Amino acid sequence: MKKATMIMLALTALAACQPKTEKMPAIDMTDLDLTVAPGDDFYRYANGGWMQKNPLKPEYARFARAARSAAEAASAPTS
């Protein structure tokens, strides 16, 4: 019984030494655009704050697979 008590005491001490982790919210409320009603434009409501904090650079304003394919085709050597 004394051995079991000592093991439990040691485990309790080890558990108490674990660093505390800071909890982060699941949703960053600053990423929302609360000026838009979710029923009007849900994409802007859900991402508007993030889009304002992270604007696209002019050279990436129109980046898509079709744009990349067109650029590759334009730079391809002709035979």
N, C-alpha and C. Protein backbone atom coordinates (compact mmCIF):
# COMPACT_ATOMS: atom_id res chain seq x y z
N MET A 1 0.82 -1.19 0.00
CA MET A 1 0.00 0.00 0.00
C MET A 1 0.87 1.25 0.00
N LYS A 2 1.95 1.21 0.76
CA LYS A 2 2.84 2.36 0.84
C LYS A 2 3.51 2.62 -0.52
N LYS A 3 3.83 1.55 -1.23
CA LYS A 3 4.46 1.67 -2.55
C LYS A 3 3.49 2.31 -3.55
N ALA A 4 2.23 1.90 -3.51
CA ALA A 4 1.22 2.47 -4.40
C ALA A 4 1.02 3.95 -4.12
N THR A 5 1.04 4.32 -2.83
CA THR A 5 0.88 5.73 -2.46
C THR A 5 2.06 6.56 -2.99
N MET A 6 3.25 6.01 -2.89
CA MET A 6 4.44 6.72 -3.37
C MET A 6 4.40 6.89 -4.90
N ILE A 7 3.92 5.87 -5.60
CA ILE A 7 3.82 5.96 -7.06
C ILE A 7 2.79 7.02 -7.44
N MET A 8 1.65 7.03 -6.75
CA MET A 8 0.61 8.03 -7.03
C MET A 8 1.12 9.44 -6.73
N LEU A 9 1.88 9.59 -5.66
CA LEU A 9 2.45 10.89 -5.31
C LEU A 9 3.42 11.35 -6.38
N ALA A 10 4.25 10.44 -6.88
CA ALA A 10 5.21 10.78 -7.94
C ALA A 10 4.49 11.17 -9.23
N LEU A 11 3.46 10.43 -9.59
CA LEU A 11 2.70 10.76 -10.80
C LEU A 11 2.00 12.11 -10.67
N THR A 12 1.48 12.40 -9.50
CA THR A 12 0.83 13.68 -9.26
C THR A 12 1.83 14.82 -9.38
N ALA A 13 3.02 14.62 -8.85
CA ALA A 13 4.07 15.65 -8.94
C ALA A 13 4.47 15.88 -10.39
N LEU A 14 4.59 14.80 -11.16
CA LEU A 14 4.95 14.94 -12.58
C LEU A 14 3.85 15.66 -13.36
N ALA A 15 2.61 15.36 -13.06
CA ALA A 15 1.50 16.01 -13.75
C ALA A 15 1.46 17.50 -13.43
N ALA A 16 1.81 17.86 -12.21
CA ALA A 16 1.79 19.26 -11.81
C ALA A 16 2.92 20.06 -12.48
N CYS A 17 3.96 19.39 -12.93
CA CYS A 17 5.10 20.06 -13.55
C CYS A 17 4.90 20.35 -15.03
N GLN A 18 3.83 19.87 -15.61
CA GLN A 18 3.58 20.09 -17.04
C GLN A 18 3.32 21.58 -17.28
N PRO A 19 3.87 22.12 -18.37
CA PRO A 19 3.64 23.54 -18.65
C PRO A 19 2.18 23.80 -19.01
N LYS A 20 1.70 24.93 -18.63
CA LYS A 20 0.34 25.33 -18.95
C LYS A 20 0.32 25.82 -20.40
N THR A 21 -0.63 25.35 -21.17
CA THR A 21 -0.75 25.78 -22.55
C THR A 21 -1.81 26.87 -22.63
N GLU A 22 -1.52 27.88 -23.42
CA GLU A 22 -2.46 28.98 -23.59
C GLU A 22 -3.55 28.56 -24.57
N LYS A 23 -4.78 28.74 -24.18
CA LYS A 23 -5.88 28.36 -25.05
C LYS A 23 -6.13 29.47 -26.06
N MET A 24 -6.33 29.04 -27.30
CA MET A 24 -6.63 29.97 -28.38
C MET A 24 -8.08 29.76 -28.79
N PRO A 25 -8.77 30.83 -29.13
CA PRO A 25 -10.15 30.64 -29.58
C PRO A 25 -10.20 29.92 -30.92
N ALA A 26 -11.24 29.17 -31.14
CA ALA A 26 -11.38 28.42 -32.39
C ALA A 26 -11.62 29.35 -33.57
N ILE A 27 -12.27 30.47 -33.33
CA ILE A 27 -12.56 31.43 -34.39
C ILE A 27 -11.97 32.77 -34.00
N ASP A 28 -11.15 33.33 -34.87
CA ASP A 28 -10.60 34.66 -34.64
C ASP A 28 -11.65 35.68 -35.08
N MET A 29 -12.25 36.34 -34.13
CA MET A 29 -13.36 37.25 -34.42
C MET A 29 -12.92 38.46 -35.25
N THR A 30 -11.62 38.77 -35.26
CA THR A 30 -11.16 39.89 -36.07
C THR A 30 -11.14 39.54 -37.56
N ASP A 31 -11.26 38.26 -37.89
CA ASP A 31 -11.31 37.85 -39.30
C ASP A 31 -12.69 38.05 -39.91
N LEU A 32 -13.70 38.29 -39.07
CA LEU A 32 -15.06 38.48 -39.57
C LEU A 32 -15.27 39.93 -39.96
N ASP A 33 -16.14 40.15 -40.92
CA ASP A 33 -16.57 41.49 -41.30
C ASP A 33 -18.00 41.64 -40.80
N LEU A 34 -18.15 42.25 -39.64
CA LEU A 34 -19.45 42.35 -39.01
C LEU A 34 -20.32 43.45 -39.61
N THR A 35 -19.79 44.18 -40.59
CA THR A 35 -20.60 45.21 -41.26
C THR A 35 -21.49 44.60 -42.33
N VAL A 36 -21.25 43.34 -42.68
CA VAL A 36 -22.02 42.64 -43.71
C VAL A 36 -22.93 41.63 -43.04
N ALA A 37 -24.16 41.56 -43.47
CA ALA A 37 -25.08 40.55 -42.94
C ALA A 37 -24.73 39.19 -43.53
N PRO A 38 -24.67 38.15 -42.72
CA PRO A 38 -24.31 36.83 -43.24
C PRO A 38 -25.26 36.34 -44.33
N GLY A 39 -26.51 36.75 -44.28
CA GLY A 39 -27.47 36.33 -45.30
C GLY A 39 -27.27 37.03 -46.62
N ASP A 40 -26.62 38.20 -46.61
CA ASP A 40 -26.39 38.95 -47.85
C ASP A 40 -25.15 38.47 -48.59
N ASP A 41 -24.05 38.31 -47.87
CA ASP A 41 -22.78 37.90 -48.49
C ASP A 41 -21.97 37.15 -47.43
N PHE A 42 -22.21 35.85 -47.33
CA PHE A 42 -21.57 35.08 -46.27
C PHE A 42 -20.05 35.04 -46.44
N TYR A 43 -19.57 34.98 -47.67
CA TYR A 43 -18.12 34.94 -47.90
C TYR A 43 -17.46 36.19 -47.33
N ARG A 44 -18.02 37.34 -47.61
CA ARG A 44 -17.47 38.60 -47.11
C ARG A 44 -17.61 38.67 -45.58
N TYR A 45 -18.73 38.18 -45.05
CA TYR A 45 -18.94 38.16 -43.60
C TYR A 45 -17.87 37.30 -42.91
N ALA A 46 -17.63 36.12 -43.45
CA ALA A 46 -16.71 35.18 -42.81
C ALA A 46 -15.24 35.52 -43.03
N ASN A 47 -14.90 36.17 -44.14
CA ASN A 47 -13.49 36.40 -44.48
C ASN A 47 -13.12 37.87 -44.63
N GLY A 48 -14.06 38.77 -44.50
CA GLY A 48 -13.80 40.18 -44.77
C GLY A 48 -12.71 40.80 -43.92
N GLY A 49 -12.68 40.50 -42.64
CA GLY A 49 -11.63 41.04 -41.77
C GLY A 49 -10.26 40.53 -42.16
N TRP A 50 -10.18 39.24 -42.48
CA TRP A 50 -8.90 38.66 -42.88
C TRP A 50 -8.43 39.26 -44.21
N MET A 51 -9.37 39.46 -45.14
CA MET A 51 -9.00 40.03 -46.44
C MET A 51 -8.50 41.47 -46.29
N GLN A 52 -9.04 42.22 -45.34
CA GLN A 52 -8.56 43.58 -45.12
C GLN A 52 -7.16 43.58 -44.51
N LYS A 53 -6.88 42.60 -43.64
CA LYS A 53 -5.56 42.52 -43.00
C LYS A 53 -4.51 41.94 -43.93
N ASN A 54 -4.92 41.20 -44.96
CA ASN A 54 -3.99 40.51 -45.86
C ASN A 54 -4.36 40.79 -47.32
N PRO A 55 -4.18 42.02 -47.77
CA PRO A 55 -4.57 42.32 -49.16
C PRO A 55 -3.65 41.63 -50.16
N LEU A 56 -4.21 41.32 -51.33
CA LEU A 56 -3.41 40.72 -52.40
C LEU A 56 -2.51 41.77 -53.01
N LYS A 57 -1.30 41.38 -53.33
CA LYS A 57 -0.40 42.27 -54.04
C LYS A 57 -0.86 42.35 -55.49
N PRO A 58 -0.60 43.47 -56.17
CA PRO A 58 -1.10 43.61 -57.54
C PRO A 58 -0.68 42.48 -58.48
N GLU A 59 0.52 41.95 -58.31
CA GLU A 59 0.97 40.88 -59.22
C GLU A 59 0.25 39.56 -58.96
N TYR A 60 -0.43 39.44 -57.83
CA TYR A 60 -1.17 38.22 -57.53
C TYR A 60 -2.68 38.43 -57.52
N ALA A 61 -3.13 39.56 -57.98
CA ALA A 61 -4.56 39.86 -57.93
C ALA A 61 -5.37 38.93 -58.82
N ARG A 62 -4.75 38.37 -59.84
CA ARG A 62 -5.49 37.49 -60.75
C ARG A 62 -4.70 36.20 -60.94
N PHE A 63 -4.50 35.48 -59.87
CA PHE A 63 -3.76 34.23 -59.94
C PHE A 63 -4.73 33.07 -59.96
N ALA A 64 -4.67 32.31 -60.99
CA ALA A 64 -5.53 31.13 -61.12
C ALA A 64 -4.82 30.13 -62.02
N ARG A 65 -5.32 28.94 -62.07
CA ARG A 65 -4.72 27.90 -62.91
C ARG A 65 -4.72 28.32 -64.37
N ALA A 66 -5.81 28.93 -64.83
CA ALA A 66 -5.88 29.35 -66.23
C ALA A 66 -4.85 30.44 -66.53
N ALA A 67 -4.63 31.36 -65.60
CA ALA A 67 -3.63 32.41 -65.81
C ALA A 67 -2.23 31.81 -65.87
N ARG A 68 -1.97 30.84 -65.02
CA ARG A 68 -0.64 30.20 -65.03
C ARG A 68 -0.44 29.42 -66.32
N SER A 69 -1.47 28.72 -66.78
CA SER A 69 -1.37 27.97 -68.02
C SER A 69 -1.14 28.90 -69.20
N ALA A 70 -1.81 30.05 -69.22
CA ALA A 70 -1.63 31.02 -70.29
C ALA A 70 -0.20 31.56 -70.29
N ALA A 71 0.35 31.82 -69.10
CA ALA A 71 1.72 32.33 -69.01
C ALA A 71 2.71 31.27 -69.46
N GLU A 72 2.47 30.01 -69.12
CA GLU A 72 3.36 28.93 -69.56
C GLU A 72 3.29 28.76 -71.08
N ALA A 73 2.11 28.87 -71.63
CA ALA A 73 1.95 28.73 -73.07
C ALA A 73 2.63 29.87 -73.82
N ALA A 74 2.57 31.07 -73.27
CA ALA A 74 3.19 32.22 -73.90
C ALA A 74 4.71 32.14 -73.88
N SER A 75 5.26 31.52 -72.84
CA SER A 75 6.72 31.43 -72.73
C SER A 75 7.29 30.16 -73.36
N ALA A 76 6.43 29.27 -73.82
CA ALA A 76 6.88 28.01 -74.41
C ALA A 76 7.52 28.29 -75.78
N PRO A 77 8.64 27.61 -76.08
CA PRO A 77 9.25 27.79 -77.40
C PRO A 77 8.38 27.22 -78.52
N THR A 78 8.35 27.91 -79.61
CA THR A 78 7.58 27.43 -80.76
C THR A 78 8.52 26.70 -81.71
N SER A 79 8.02 25.70 -82.40
CA SER A 79 8.89 24.96 -83.31
C SER A 79 8.47 25.15 -84.74
